Amino acid sequence: MSEKTLFEIYDDILNSKEVKEEDLRLAVLTYRNLLWFANHDVEELYKSTDKNIFAKNRFENNVMRYKKALNETPRHWLGEDNIPGTKSFEEQQAVCENLWNGFLKWRENKNKEDQGNE
């Protein structure tokens, strides 16, 4: 039996690495369990509020999204942009990485400028 954490399994999947079937099975069950608790918490929060239109809408959207996901194939639900290893995903990741690196470079330059103004 593998001793990988849920995050390690998720990270391997995200990076298109091989993952043992048992790890996948247990990860799906764990995420399902976490989702149940999160949905239950959302429902309890909704019930305890004044049930304004925004809270009601968020609660109903949460329930609808969950039901829709249960009745679609994972590939369709996720879309190609959200499936590691697809061209769309890799392109999107590259754009995000470029944006992030650009932000880090800008922040580094801004910090140097701020230090120079002191």
Protein backbone atom coordinates (compact mmCIF):
# COMPACT_ATOMS: atom_id res chain seq x y z
CA MET A 1 0.00 0.00 0.00
CA SER A 2 1.24 3.46 -0.90
CA GLU A 3 2.02 6.01 1.79
CA LYS A 4 1.44 9.04 -0.46
CA THR A 5 -0.51 11.93 0.95
CA LEU A 6 -3.60 13.22 -0.79
CA PHE A 7 -1.61 16.27 -1.88
CA GLU A 8 1.17 14.10 -3.33
CA ILE A 9 -1.36 12.08 -5.33
CA TYR A 10 -3.04 15.28 -6.54
CA ASP A 11 0.33 16.80 -7.44
CA ASP A 12 1.33 13.68 -9.41
CA ILE A 13 -1.95 13.82 -11.32
CA LEU A 14 -1.52 17.53 -11.97
CA ASN A 15 1.96 16.89 -13.34
CA SER A 16 0.81 13.95 -15.51
CA LYS A 17 2.80 11.38 -13.54
CA GLU A 18 1.77 7.76 -13.17
CA VAL A 19 -0.43 7.12 -10.15
CA LYS A 20 -1.29 3.71 -8.74
CA GLU A 21 -4.91 2.64 -9.13
CA GLU A 22 -5.29 2.15 -5.37
CA ASP A 23 -4.02 5.70 -4.75
CA LEU A 24 -6.52 7.06 -7.27
CA ARG A 25 -9.37 5.10 -5.73
CA LEU A 26 -8.58 6.31 -2.24
CA ALA A 27 -8.03 9.89 -3.42
CA VAL A 28 -11.43 9.96 -5.14
CA LEU A 29 -13.08 8.58 -2.02
CA THR A 30 -11.28 11.13 0.14
CA TYR A 31 -12.28 14.02 -2.10
CA ARG A 32 -15.85 12.71 -2.16
CA ASN A 33 -15.86 12.67 1.63
CA LEU A 34 -14.41 16.19 1.81
CA LEU A 35 -17.00 17.39 -0.70
CA TRP A 36 -19.82 15.91 1.34
CA PHE A 37 -18.65 17.74 4.45
CA ALA A 38 -18.16 21.00 2.54
CA ASN A 39 -21.64 20.77 1.01
CA HIS A 40 -23.12 19.96 4.40
CA ASP A 41 -21.36 22.99 5.91
CA VAL A 42 -22.62 25.24 3.10
CA GLU A 43 -26.15 23.99 3.67
CA GLU A 44 -25.91 24.58 7.42
CA LEU A 45 -24.54 28.10 6.87
CA TYR A 46 -27.38 28.83 4.48
CA LYS A 47 -29.98 27.57 6.94
CA SER A 48 -28.51 29.70 9.74
CA THR A 49 -28.52 32.98 7.80
CA ASP A 50 -31.38 35.35 7.12
CA LYS A 51 -31.67 33.59 3.75
CA ASN A 52 -31.17 36.70 1.68
CA ILE A 53 -31.38 36.32 -2.09
CA PHE A 54 -27.58 36.13 -2.51
CA ALA A 55 -27.12 33.37 0.07
CA LYS A 56 -30.06 31.47 -1.40
CA ASN A 57 -28.62 31.81 -4.91
CA ARG A 58 -25.16 30.61 -3.83
CA PHE A 59 -26.64 27.63 -2.03
CA GLU A 60 -28.82 26.66 -5.00
CA ASN A 61 -25.89 27.07 -7.41
CA ASN A 62 -23.77 24.83 -5.20
CA VAL A 63 -26.42 22.10 -5.19
CA MET A 64 -27.05 22.42 -8.93
CA ARG A 65 -23.31 22.31 -9.75
CA TYR A 66 -22.86 19.18 -7.67
CA LYS A 67 -25.84 17.39 -9.24
CA LYS A 68 -24.69 18.35 -12.72
CA ALA A 69 -21.18 17.02 -12.07
CA LEU A 70 -22.54 13.70 -10.82
CA ASN A 71 -24.46 13.23 -14.08
CA GLU A 72 -21.67 14.09 -16.53
CA THR A 73 -18.46 12.38 -17.48
CA PRO A 74 -15.45 13.83 -15.67
CA ARG A 75 -13.87 14.77 -19.04
CA HIS A 76 -16.94 16.77 -20.07
CA TRP A 77 -17.38 18.36 -16.64
CA LEU A 78 -13.75 19.43 -16.37
CA GLY A 79 -13.24 20.49 -19.98
CA GLU A 80 -9.92 20.14 -21.80
CA ASP A 81 -8.50 23.27 -20.12
CA ASN A 82 -8.65 21.54 -16.73
CA ILE A 83 -7.25 18.12 -17.59
CA PRO A 84 -3.50 17.73 -17.00
CA GLY A 85 -1.66 16.45 -20.04
CA THR A 86 -3.97 18.01 -22.64
CA LYS A 87 -2.68 20.68 -24.98
CA SER A 88 -5.23 23.20 -23.68
CA PHE A 89 -4.17 22.59 -20.08
CA GLU A 90 -0.48 22.91 -20.86
CA GLU A 91 -1.05 26.15 -22.80
CA GLN A 92 -3.13 27.57 -19.95
CA GLN A 93 -0.49 26.57 -17.40
CA ALA A 94 2.21 28.25 -19.48
CA VAL A 95 0.21 31.49 -19.64
CA CYS A 96 -0.42 31.40 -15.88
CA GLU A 97 3.24 30.70 -15.18
CA ASN A 98 4.31 33.58 -17.44
CA LEU A 99 1.88 35.93 -15.68
CA TRP A 100 3.09 34.80 -12.27
CA ASN A 101 6.76 35.15 -13.23
CA GLY A 102 6.03 38.59 -14.69
CA PHE A 103 4.35 39.64 -11.46
CA LEU A 104 7.28 38.36 -9.38
CA LYS A 105 9.74 40.25 -11.59
CA TRP A 106 7.64 43.43 -11.34
CA ARG A 107 7.46 43.09 -7.55
CA GLU A 108 11.21 42.52 -7.31
CA ASN A 109 11.85 45.64 -9.44
CA LYS A 110 9.32 47.63 -7.39
CA ASN A 111 11.04 46.60 -4.15
CA LYS A 112 14.41 47.68 -5.58
CA GLU A 113 12.93 51.03 -6.59
CA ASP A 114 11.35 51.51 -3.17
CA GLN A 115 14.64 50.69 -1.45
CA GLY A 116 16.43 53.16 -3.71
CA ASN A 117 13.99 55.92 -2.72
CA GLU A 118 14.67 55.50 1.00
